Amino acid sequence: MGPDELTIALSLLALQGVMGAFDTLYYHEWHARLPSTRGAARELRLHALRDGAYAILFGSLAWLEPRGWYTVVLAILLLAEIVITMLDFLEEDAHRPLPAGERVMHSLMAIVYGAFLAYLLPEMWTWWQQSTALVPHSHGWLSYIMTAMACGVLASGIRDWIAANSHTNRAATHNG
C-alpha cells in the first residue's frame, strides 16, 4: 500500500520548500544579490510576505489538521500565496532580467505547487465537513522536516523585510 494523499501533498510541499530554498540562496542571494540591490524593496517585501505564508503552511500542516472553518483560513492562505507569486513575477519582469535557470525554477515550483494543491484539496474538503478545530497530528519525520523549513523560511522572510525597509529608509534619507 502506498502513501496516502495527505502524505503525498506534504511531501510535495517539502519539495517546494527545497526548491524555494535553492531559488532564494542561489538566484536571489548569490546571483542577483537582492538584499543589497537598490530598487529591490518591493520584490523583497513580496518575498517576505510569501515566506510568511510558507512559514505558516509548513509549521501548521506539520503538526495540525485544520478542520471546519479553519479550512477556510487555510484556503485563503493558499490563494494568497498564488496572488503574491503572480505579483512577484510582474515585479521581477519589470525590474530585473531573470536568468533562464531562474525562470525554469519558477516554472517547476509552480508545477509542484499545483500538484501539492491537487493532493491537498480533497483532504481539505474532508476537513471542511468536520467540526471546527485544530487537531494535533504528526506525520513522523515529515513533520520535523517541515518544522525546520518553517523556521528557515521565516528567517528568510524577516531578512528580506528588514532589507526592504533598509532600502526604503536609505531612499527616504537620500531624497529628503
N, C-alpha and C. Protein backbone atom coordinates (compact mmCIF):
# COMPACT_ATOMS: atom_id res chain seq x y z
N MET A 1 0.84 -1.19 0.00
CA MET A 1 0.00 0.00 0.00
C MET A 1 0.89 1.25 0.00
N GLY A 2 0.57 2.18 -0.86
CA GLY A 2 1.37 3.40 -1.00
C GLY A 2 0.96 4.46 0.01
N PRO A 3 1.65 5.58 -0.03
CA PRO A 3 1.32 6.67 0.90
C PRO A 3 -0.04 7.28 0.58
N ASP A 4 -0.68 7.81 1.62
CA ASP A 4 -1.98 8.45 1.41
C ASP A 4 -1.80 9.82 0.74
N GLU A 5 -2.89 10.38 0.27
CA GLU A 5 -2.85 11.64 -0.47
C GLU A 5 -2.27 12.78 0.36
N LEU A 6 -2.57 12.82 1.67
CA LEU A 6 -2.04 13.90 2.51
C LEU A 6 -0.52 13.79 2.61
N THR A 7 -0.01 12.58 2.76
CA THR A 7 1.45 12.41 2.82
C THR A 7 2.09 12.84 1.51
N ILE A 8 1.46 12.52 0.40
CA ILE A 8 1.98 12.96 -0.90
C ILE A 8 1.94 14.49 -0.98
N ALA A 9 0.83 15.09 -0.55
CA ALA A 9 0.71 16.55 -0.57
C ALA A 9 1.81 17.19 0.26
N LEU A 10 2.03 16.68 1.47
CA LEU A 10 3.03 17.28 2.35
C LEU A 10 4.45 17.03 1.82
N SER A 11 4.66 15.90 1.17
CA SER A 11 5.96 15.64 0.54
C SER A 11 6.21 16.62 -0.60
N LEU A 12 5.17 16.93 -1.36
CA LEU A 12 5.29 17.93 -2.42
C LEU A 12 5.54 19.32 -1.83
N LEU A 13 4.91 19.62 -0.71
CA LEU A 13 5.15 20.90 -0.04
C LEU A 13 6.60 20.97 0.43
N ALA A 14 7.13 19.86 0.95
CA ALA A 14 8.54 19.83 1.37
C ALA A 14 9.45 20.01 0.16
N LEU A 15 9.12 19.38 -0.97
CA LEU A 15 9.89 19.57 -2.19
C LEU A 15 9.86 21.04 -2.61
N GLN A 16 8.69 21.65 -2.48
CA GLN A 16 8.55 23.08 -2.78
C GLN A 16 9.49 23.89 -1.89
N GLY A 17 9.59 23.48 -0.63
CA GLY A 17 10.49 24.16 0.30
C GLY A 17 11.95 24.05 -0.11
N VAL A 18 12.36 22.86 -0.55
CA VAL A 18 13.74 22.67 -1.00
C VAL A 18 14.01 23.51 -2.24
N MET A 19 13.08 23.49 -3.18
CA MET A 19 13.25 24.28 -4.41
C MET A 19 13.26 25.78 -4.09
N GLY A 20 12.40 26.20 -3.19
CA GLY A 20 12.36 27.61 -2.79
C GLY A 20 13.64 28.04 -2.10
N ALA A 21 14.21 27.15 -1.28
CA ALA A 21 15.48 27.47 -0.62
C ALA A 21 16.59 27.65 -1.66
N PHE A 22 16.63 26.74 -2.64
CA PHE A 22 17.64 26.87 -3.70
C PHE A 22 17.43 28.18 -4.47
N ASP A 23 16.18 28.47 -4.85
CA ASP A 23 15.88 29.70 -5.58
C ASP A 23 16.34 30.92 -4.80
N THR A 24 16.04 30.93 -3.51
CA THR A 24 16.41 32.07 -2.67
C THR A 24 17.92 32.19 -2.53
N LEU A 25 18.57 31.10 -2.16
CA LEU A 25 20.01 31.16 -1.90
C LEU A 25 20.82 31.39 -3.17
N TYR A 26 20.50 30.66 -4.22
CA TYR A 26 21.31 30.77 -5.43
C TYR A 26 20.95 32.00 -6.26
N TYR A 27 19.66 32.13 -6.59
CA TYR A 27 19.28 33.20 -7.51
C TYR A 27 19.10 34.55 -6.83
N HIS A 28 18.43 34.58 -5.68
CA HIS A 28 18.15 35.87 -5.04
C HIS A 28 19.34 36.40 -4.25
N GLU A 29 19.98 35.51 -3.47
CA GLU A 29 21.08 35.96 -2.62
C GLU A 29 22.40 36.04 -3.38
N TRP A 30 22.80 34.95 -4.05
CA TRP A 30 24.11 34.90 -4.66
C TRP A 30 24.14 35.59 -6.03
N HIS A 31 23.21 35.24 -6.90
CA HIS A 31 23.26 35.76 -8.27
C HIS A 31 22.80 37.22 -8.36
N ALA A 32 21.60 37.50 -7.87
CA ALA A 32 21.04 38.86 -8.00
C ALA A 32 21.41 39.77 -6.83
N ARG A 33 21.83 39.19 -5.72
CA ARG A 33 22.16 39.94 -4.51
C ARG A 33 21.05 40.93 -4.13
N LEU A 34 19.83 40.41 -4.13
CA LEU A 34 18.67 41.27 -3.90
C LEU A 34 18.69 42.06 -2.60
N PRO A 35 19.09 41.46 -1.47
CA PRO A 35 19.05 42.26 -0.24
C PRO A 35 19.92 43.51 -0.27
N SER A 36 20.93 43.54 -1.14
CA SER A 36 21.77 44.73 -1.21
C SER A 36 21.56 45.52 -2.51
N THR A 37 20.53 45.16 -3.27
CA THR A 37 20.28 45.82 -4.55
C THR A 37 19.31 46.98 -4.38
N ARG A 38 19.76 48.13 -4.81
CA ARG A 38 18.91 49.31 -4.77
C ARG A 38 17.72 49.09 -5.71
N GLY A 39 16.53 49.44 -5.30
CA GLY A 39 15.34 49.28 -6.12
C GLY A 39 14.66 47.93 -5.97
N ALA A 40 15.16 47.08 -5.06
CA ALA A 40 14.57 45.75 -4.88
C ALA A 40 13.60 45.69 -3.70
N ALA A 41 13.29 46.82 -3.11
CA ALA A 41 12.46 46.81 -1.89
C ALA A 41 11.11 46.15 -2.11
N ARG A 42 10.44 46.46 -3.20
CA ARG A 42 9.10 45.88 -3.44
C ARG A 42 9.19 44.36 -3.63
N GLU A 43 10.17 43.92 -4.41
CA GLU A 43 10.34 42.47 -4.62
C GLU A 43 10.68 41.78 -3.29
N LEU A 44 11.52 42.39 -2.50
CA LEU A 44 11.88 41.82 -1.20
C LEU A 44 10.66 41.73 -0.27
N ARG A 45 9.80 42.74 -0.32
CA ARG A 45 8.58 42.69 0.52
C ARG A 45 7.66 41.56 0.06
N LEU A 46 7.53 41.40 -1.25
CA LEU A 46 6.72 40.29 -1.76
C LEU A 46 7.31 38.95 -1.32
N HIS A 47 8.62 38.82 -1.40
CA HIS A 47 9.27 37.59 -0.95
C HIS A 47 9.02 37.37 0.54
N ALA A 48 9.10 38.44 1.32
CA ALA A 48 8.88 38.32 2.77
C ALA A 48 7.44 37.88 3.07
N LEU A 49 6.49 38.45 2.35
CA LEU A 49 5.08 38.05 2.55
C LEU A 49 4.87 36.58 2.18
N ARG A 50 5.43 36.18 1.06
CA ARG A 50 5.30 34.78 0.64
C ARG A 50 5.99 33.86 1.63
N ASP A 51 7.16 34.27 2.12
CA ASP A 51 7.87 33.47 3.12
C ASP A 51 7.02 33.32 4.38
N GLY A 52 6.34 34.38 4.76
CA GLY A 52 5.46 34.30 5.93
C GLY A 52 4.34 33.30 5.70
N ALA A 53 3.77 33.32 4.51
CA ALA A 53 2.71 32.35 4.19
C ALA A 53 3.24 30.93 4.26
N TYR A 54 4.43 30.71 3.70
CA TYR A 54 5.01 29.37 3.74
C TYR A 54 5.39 28.96 5.16
N ALA A 55 5.85 29.89 5.97
CA ALA A 55 6.18 29.56 7.36
C ALA A 55 4.93 29.04 8.07
N ILE A 56 3.80 29.69 7.84
CA ILE A 56 2.54 29.24 8.45
C ILE A 56 2.13 27.89 7.88
N LEU A 57 2.23 27.73 6.55
CA LEU A 57 1.87 26.45 5.92
C LEU A 57 2.72 25.30 6.46
N PHE A 58 4.05 25.48 6.41
CA PHE A 58 4.94 24.43 6.89
C PHE A 58 4.68 24.12 8.36
N GLY A 59 4.66 25.17 9.17
CA GLY A 59 4.54 24.98 10.61
C GLY A 59 3.22 24.39 11.04
N SER A 60 2.15 24.85 10.43
CA SER A 60 0.83 24.36 10.87
C SER A 60 0.53 22.97 10.31
N LEU A 61 0.77 22.76 9.01
CA LEU A 61 0.45 21.45 8.43
C LEU A 61 1.38 20.35 8.94
N ALA A 62 2.53 20.73 9.49
CA ALA A 62 3.44 19.74 10.06
C ALA A 62 2.81 19.03 11.25
N TRP A 63 2.00 19.75 12.02
CA TRP A 63 1.53 19.22 13.30
C TRP A 63 0.03 19.30 13.51
N LEU A 64 -0.70 19.96 12.60
CA LEU A 64 -2.13 20.19 12.82
C LEU A 64 -2.95 19.85 11.58
N GLU A 65 -4.19 19.45 11.83
CA GLU A 65 -5.18 19.34 10.76
C GLU A 65 -6.23 20.41 11.03
N PRO A 66 -6.33 21.41 10.14
CA PRO A 66 -7.34 22.46 10.32
C PRO A 66 -8.70 21.95 9.85
N ARG A 67 -9.64 21.90 10.73
CA ARG A 67 -10.96 21.37 10.37
C ARG A 67 -12.03 22.46 10.46
N GLY A 68 -13.13 22.22 9.76
CA GLY A 68 -14.23 23.19 9.77
C GLY A 68 -13.78 24.52 9.19
N TRP A 69 -14.11 25.60 9.90
CA TRP A 69 -13.82 26.95 9.41
C TRP A 69 -12.32 27.23 9.31
N TYR A 70 -11.50 26.50 10.04
CA TYR A 70 -10.05 26.67 9.90
C TYR A 70 -9.59 26.29 8.50
N THR A 71 -10.35 25.44 7.83
CA THR A 71 -10.02 25.06 6.46
C THR A 71 -10.16 26.27 5.53
N VAL A 72 -11.11 27.13 5.82
CA VAL A 72 -11.28 28.35 5.03
C VAL A 72 -10.06 29.26 5.19
N VAL A 73 -9.55 29.35 6.42
CA VAL A 73 -8.34 30.15 6.66
C VAL A 73 -7.18 29.59 5.85
N LEU A 74 -7.05 28.26 5.85
CA LEU A 74 -6.00 27.62 5.05
C LEU A 74 -6.19 27.92 3.56
N ALA A 75 -7.42 27.86 3.08
CA ALA A 75 -7.70 28.14 1.67
C ALA A 75 -7.32 29.58 1.30
N ILE A 76 -7.62 30.51 2.18
CA ILE A 76 -7.25 31.91 1.94
C ILE A 76 -5.74 32.06 1.87
N LEU A 77 -5.02 31.38 2.75
CA LEU A 77 -3.56 31.42 2.75
C LEU A 77 -3.00 30.83 1.45
N LEU A 78 -3.58 29.73 0.99
CA LEU A 78 -3.13 29.10 -0.26
C LEU A 78 -3.38 30.02 -1.46
N LEU A 79 -4.52 30.69 -1.47
CA LEU A 79 -4.81 31.64 -2.55
C LEU A 79 -3.92 32.88 -2.47
N ALA A 80 -3.64 33.34 -1.25
CA ALA A 80 -2.76 34.50 -1.08
C ALA A 80 -1.38 34.20 -1.64
N GLU A 81 -0.89 32.97 -1.44
CA GLU A 81 0.42 32.60 -1.98
C GLU A 81 0.41 32.74 -3.50
N ILE A 82 -0.65 32.32 -4.15
CA ILE A 82 -0.75 32.42 -5.61
C ILE A 82 -0.73 33.88 -6.05
N VAL A 83 -1.51 34.72 -5.38
CA VAL A 83 -1.56 36.14 -5.74
C VAL A 83 -0.20 36.81 -5.53
N ILE A 84 0.44 36.53 -4.40
CA ILE A 84 1.76 37.10 -4.12
C ILE A 84 2.76 36.66 -5.18
N THR A 85 2.72 35.39 -5.56
CA THR A 85 3.64 34.87 -6.57
C THR A 85 3.41 35.56 -7.92
N MET A 86 2.16 35.77 -8.31
CA MET A 86 1.89 36.45 -9.58
C MET A 86 2.40 37.90 -9.53
N LEU A 87 2.18 38.58 -8.41
CA LEU A 87 2.70 39.95 -8.27
C LEU A 87 4.22 39.96 -8.32
N ASP A 88 4.84 38.95 -7.72
CA ASP A 88 6.29 38.84 -7.74
C ASP A 88 6.80 38.63 -9.16
N PHE A 89 6.12 37.79 -9.95
CA PHE A 89 6.51 37.61 -11.35
C PHE A 89 6.49 38.94 -12.08
N LEU A 90 5.44 39.72 -11.88
CA LEU A 90 5.33 41.02 -12.54
C LEU A 90 6.44 41.96 -12.09
N GLU A 91 6.71 41.97 -10.79
CA GLU A 91 7.76 42.83 -10.24
C GLU A 91 9.13 42.45 -10.80
N GLU A 92 9.41 41.16 -10.83
CA GLU A 92 10.70 40.71 -11.37
C GLU A 92 10.85 41.12 -12.83
N ASP A 93 9.81 40.88 -13.62
CA ASP A 93 9.89 41.22 -15.04
C ASP A 93 10.07 42.72 -15.26
N ALA A 94 9.54 43.53 -14.38
CA ALA A 94 9.63 44.98 -14.54
C ALA A 94 10.99 45.54 -14.11
N HIS A 95 11.69 44.84 -13.22
CA HIS A 95 12.86 45.48 -12.62
C HIS A 95 14.20 44.75 -12.75
N ARG A 96 14.19 43.50 -13.21
CA ARG A 96 15.50 42.84 -13.37
C ARG A 96 15.38 41.71 -14.38
N PRO A 97 16.44 41.51 -15.14
CA PRO A 97 16.44 40.37 -16.07
C PRO A 97 16.67 39.08 -15.29
N LEU A 98 15.81 38.11 -15.49
CA LEU A 98 15.96 36.82 -14.81
C LEU A 98 16.77 35.88 -15.69
N PRO A 99 17.74 35.20 -15.08
CA PRO A 99 18.46 34.18 -15.85
C PRO A 99 17.50 33.06 -16.25
N ALA A 100 17.81 32.37 -17.32
CA ALA A 100 16.95 31.29 -17.80
C ALA A 100 16.70 30.24 -16.72
N GLY A 101 17.74 29.92 -15.95
CA GLY A 101 17.59 28.92 -14.90
C GLY A 101 16.59 29.33 -13.83
N GLU A 102 16.55 30.61 -13.51
CA GLU A 102 15.59 31.09 -12.51
C GLU A 102 14.16 31.00 -13.06
N ARG A 103 13.99 31.32 -14.32
CA ARG A 103 12.65 31.18 -14.93
C ARG A 103 12.21 29.72 -14.92
N VAL A 104 13.13 28.81 -15.25
CA VAL A 104 12.80 27.38 -15.21
C VAL A 104 12.46 26.97 -13.78
N MET A 105 13.25 27.42 -12.81
CA MET A 105 12.99 27.08 -11.41
C MET A 105 11.60 27.57 -10.99
N HIS A 106 11.24 28.78 -11.35
CA HIS A 106 9.92 29.32 -11.01
C HIS A 106 8.81 28.49 -11.65
N SER A 107 9.02 28.06 -12.89
CA SER A 107 8.02 27.22 -13.57
C SER A 107 7.87 25.88 -12.87
N LEU A 108 8.99 25.27 -12.52
CA LEU A 108 8.93 23.98 -11.82
C LEU A 108 8.25 24.13 -10.46
N MET A 109 8.53 25.23 -9.77
CA MET A 109 7.89 25.45 -8.47
C MET A 109 6.38 25.63 -8.62
N ALA A 110 5.96 26.30 -9.69
CA ALA A 110 4.52 26.46 -9.93
C ALA A 110 3.87 25.11 -10.20
N ILE A 111 4.55 24.25 -10.94
CA ILE A 111 4.02 22.91 -11.21
C ILE A 111 3.91 22.10 -9.92
N VAL A 112 4.94 22.14 -9.09
CA VAL A 112 4.92 21.40 -7.83
C VAL A 112 3.82 21.95 -6.92
N TYR A 113 3.64 23.27 -6.89
CA TYR A 113 2.58 23.86 -6.07
C TYR A 113 1.21 23.38 -6.56
N GLY A 114 1.03 23.32 -7.86
CA GLY A 114 -0.24 22.82 -8.41
C GLY A 114 -0.48 21.37 -8.03
N ALA A 115 0.57 20.54 -8.10
CA ALA A 115 0.43 19.14 -7.69
C ALA A 115 0.12 19.04 -6.20
N PHE A 116 0.79 19.87 -5.40
CA PHE A 116 0.50 19.93 -3.96
C PHE A 116 -0.98 20.22 -3.72
N LEU A 117 -1.50 21.22 -4.42
CA LEU A 117 -2.92 21.57 -4.26
C LEU A 117 -3.83 20.43 -4.72
N ALA A 118 -3.45 19.77 -5.81
CA ALA A 118 -4.27 18.66 -6.33
C ALA A 118 -4.41 17.55 -5.29
N TYR A 119 -3.38 17.31 -4.52
CA TYR A 119 -3.46 16.27 -3.48
C TYR A 119 -4.06 16.80 -2.18
N LEU A 120 -3.86 18.09 -1.88
CA LEU A 120 -4.34 18.64 -0.61
C LEU A 120 -5.83 18.98 -0.64
N LEU A 121 -6.33 19.50 -1.76
CA LEU A 121 -7.72 19.97 -1.80
C LEU A 121 -8.76 18.90 -1.44
N PRO A 122 -8.63 17.66 -1.91
CA PRO A 122 -9.62 16.65 -1.46
C PRO A 122 -9.59 16.43 0.06
N GLU A 123 -8.40 16.49 0.64
CA GLU A 123 -8.28 16.37 2.10
C GLU A 123 -8.92 17.57 2.78
N MET A 124 -8.71 18.75 2.21
CA MET A 124 -9.32 19.95 2.78
C MET A 124 -10.84 19.87 2.74
N TRP A 125 -11.38 19.27 1.69
CA TRP A 125 -12.83 19.10 1.60
C TRP A 125 -13.34 18.23 2.75
N THR A 126 -12.59 17.18 3.05
CA THR A 126 -12.94 16.31 4.18
C THR A 126 -12.85 17.08 5.49
N TRP A 127 -11.79 17.86 5.66
CA TRP A 127 -11.62 18.65 6.88
C TRP A 127 -12.75 19.68 7.02
N TRP A 128 -13.13 20.30 5.90
CA TRP A 128 -14.18 21.32 5.91
C TRP A 128 -15.48 20.76 6.48
N GLN A 129 -15.79 19.51 6.21
CA GLN A 129 -17.05 18.90 6.62
C GLN A 129 -17.06 18.47 8.08
N GLN A 130 -15.97 18.67 8.79
CA GLN A 130 -15.88 18.28 10.19
C GLN A 130 -16.06 19.49 11.10
N SER A 131 -16.22 19.24 12.38
CA SER A 131 -16.35 20.32 13.36
C SER A 131 -15.08 21.16 13.39
N THR A 132 -15.28 22.47 13.58
CA THR A 132 -14.15 23.40 13.60
C THR A 132 -13.23 23.09 14.77
N ALA A 133 -11.97 22.82 14.43
CA ALA A 133 -10.95 22.51 15.43
C ALA A 133 -9.59 22.46 14.75
N LEU A 134 -8.56 22.66 15.54
CA LEU A 134 -7.20 22.40 15.10
C LEU A 134 -6.78 21.11 15.80
N VAL A 135 -6.71 20.04 15.04
CA VAL A 135 -6.47 18.72 15.59
C VAL A 135 -4.98 18.37 15.47
N PRO A 136 -4.32 18.09 16.60
CA PRO A 136 -2.91 17.70 16.53
C PRO A 136 -2.74 16.42 15.71
N HIS A 137 -1.74 16.43 14.85
CA HIS A 137 -1.48 15.25 14.02
C HIS A 137 -0.02 15.28 13.56
N SER A 138 0.72 14.23 13.86
CA SER A 138 2.11 14.12 13.45
C SER A 138 2.20 13.31 12.15
N HIS A 139 3.12 13.72 11.31
CA HIS A 139 3.40 12.99 10.08
C HIS A 139 4.80 12.38 10.15
N GLY A 140 5.23 12.06 11.36
CA GLY A 140 6.54 11.45 11.57
C GLY A 140 7.66 12.37 11.15
N TRP A 141 8.66 11.81 10.46
CA TRP A 141 9.84 12.56 10.04
C TRP A 141 9.48 13.77 9.20
N LEU A 142 8.39 13.69 8.44
CA LEU A 142 7.98 14.79 7.58
C LEU A 142 7.60 16.02 8.42
N SER A 143 7.01 15.79 9.59
CA SER A 143 6.66 16.91 10.47
C SER A 143 7.91 17.67 10.92
N TYR A 144 8.96 16.94 11.23
CA TYR A 144 10.20 17.58 11.67
C TYR A 144 10.88 18.34 10.54
N ILE A 145 10.87 17.77 9.35
CA ILE A 145 11.45 18.45 8.18
C ILE A 145 10.68 19.74 7.90
N MET A 146 9.35 19.66 7.96
CA MET A 146 8.54 20.85 7.67
C MET A 146 8.69 21.90 8.77
N THR A 147 8.91 21.48 10.01
CA THR A 147 9.16 22.43 11.09
C THR A 147 10.47 23.18 10.83
N ALA A 148 11.51 22.45 10.43
CA ALA A 148 12.78 23.09 10.09
C ALA A 148 12.60 24.07 8.93
N MET A 149 11.82 23.67 7.95
CA MET A 149 11.56 24.55 6.81
C MET A 149 10.80 25.80 7.23
N ALA A 150 9.86 25.63 8.15
CA ALA A 150 9.11 26.79 8.65
C ALA A 150 10.06 27.79 9.30
N CYS A 151 11.01 27.30 10.09
CA CYS A 151 11.98 28.19 10.74
C CYS A 151 12.87 28.87 9.71
N GLY A 152 13.34 28.12 8.72
CA GLY A 152 14.21 28.68 7.69
C GLY A 152 13.52 29.74 6.85
N VAL A 153 12.30 29.45 6.43
CA VAL A 153 11.60 30.40 5.56
C VAL A 153 11.16 31.64 6.37
N LEU A 154 10.88 31.46 7.65
CA LEU A 154 10.56 32.61 8.49
C LEU A 154 11.79 33.52 8.62
N ALA A 155 12.96 32.93 8.85
CA ALA A 155 14.20 33.72 8.95
C ALA A 155 14.47 34.44 7.63
N SER A 156 14.27 33.77 6.51
CA SER A 156 14.48 34.38 5.21
C SER A 156 13.51 35.55 5.00
N GLY A 157 12.27 35.36 5.39
CA GLY A 157 11.28 36.43 5.25
C GLY A 157 11.60 37.64 6.10
N ILE A 158 12.06 37.40 7.32
CA ILE A 158 12.45 38.52 8.19
C ILE A 158 13.63 39.26 7.59
N ARG A 159 14.61 38.51 7.08
CA ARG A 159 15.78 39.13 6.44
C ARG A 159 15.35 39.99 5.26
N ASP A 160 14.46 39.47 4.41
CA ASP A 160 14.00 40.23 3.25
C ASP A 160 13.23 41.47 3.67
N TRP A 161 12.40 41.36 4.69
CA TRP A 161 11.62 42.52 5.15
C TRP A 161 12.54 43.61 5.69
N ILE A 162 13.53 43.21 6.48
CA ILE A 162 14.49 44.17 7.01
C ILE A 162 15.27 44.83 5.88
N ALA A 163 15.71 44.04 4.91
CA ALA A 163 16.45 44.59 3.76
C ALA A 163 15.57 45.56 2.98
N ALA A 164 14.31 45.21 2.77
CA ALA A 164 13.40 46.10 2.03
C ALA A 164 13.23 47.42 2.77
N ASN A 165 13.06 47.36 4.09
CA ASN A 165 12.91 48.59 4.87
C ASN A 165 14.19 49.40 4.88
N SER A 166 15.32 48.74 4.85
CA SER A 166 16.60 49.43 4.79
C SER A 166 16.72 50.21 3.49
N HIS A 167 16.30 49.58 2.37
CA HIS A 167 16.32 50.27 1.08
C HIS A 167 15.40 51.49 1.11
N THR A 168 14.22 51.30 1.66
CA THR A 168 13.24 52.40 1.73
C THR A 168 13.76 53.54 2.60
N ASN A 169 14.34 53.19 3.73
CA ASN A 169 14.87 54.22 4.64
C ASN A 169 16.04 54.97 4.01
N ARG A 170 16.93 54.25 3.30
CA ARG A 170 18.06 54.92 2.62
C ARG A 170 17.54 55.85 1.53
N ALA A 171 16.53 55.42 0.79
CA ALA A 171 15.96 56.26 -0.28
C ALA A 171 15.31 57.51 0.30
N ALA A 172 14.59 57.35 1.41
CA ALA A 172 13.94 58.48 2.05
C ALA A 172 14.98 59.48 2.58
N THR A 173 16.05 58.96 3.16
CA THR A 173 17.10 59.82 3.68
C THR A 173 17.82 60.53 2.54
N HIS A 174 18.08 59.80 1.47
CA HIS A 174 18.77 60.37 0.30
C HIS A 174 17.93 61.44 -0.38
N ASN A 175 16.59 61.19 -0.48
CA ASN A 175 15.70 62.13 -1.17
C ASN A 175 15.23 63.27 -0.27
N GLY A 176 15.30 63.06 1.03
CA GLY A 176 14.74 64.03 1.98
C GLY A 176 15.72 65.08 2.28
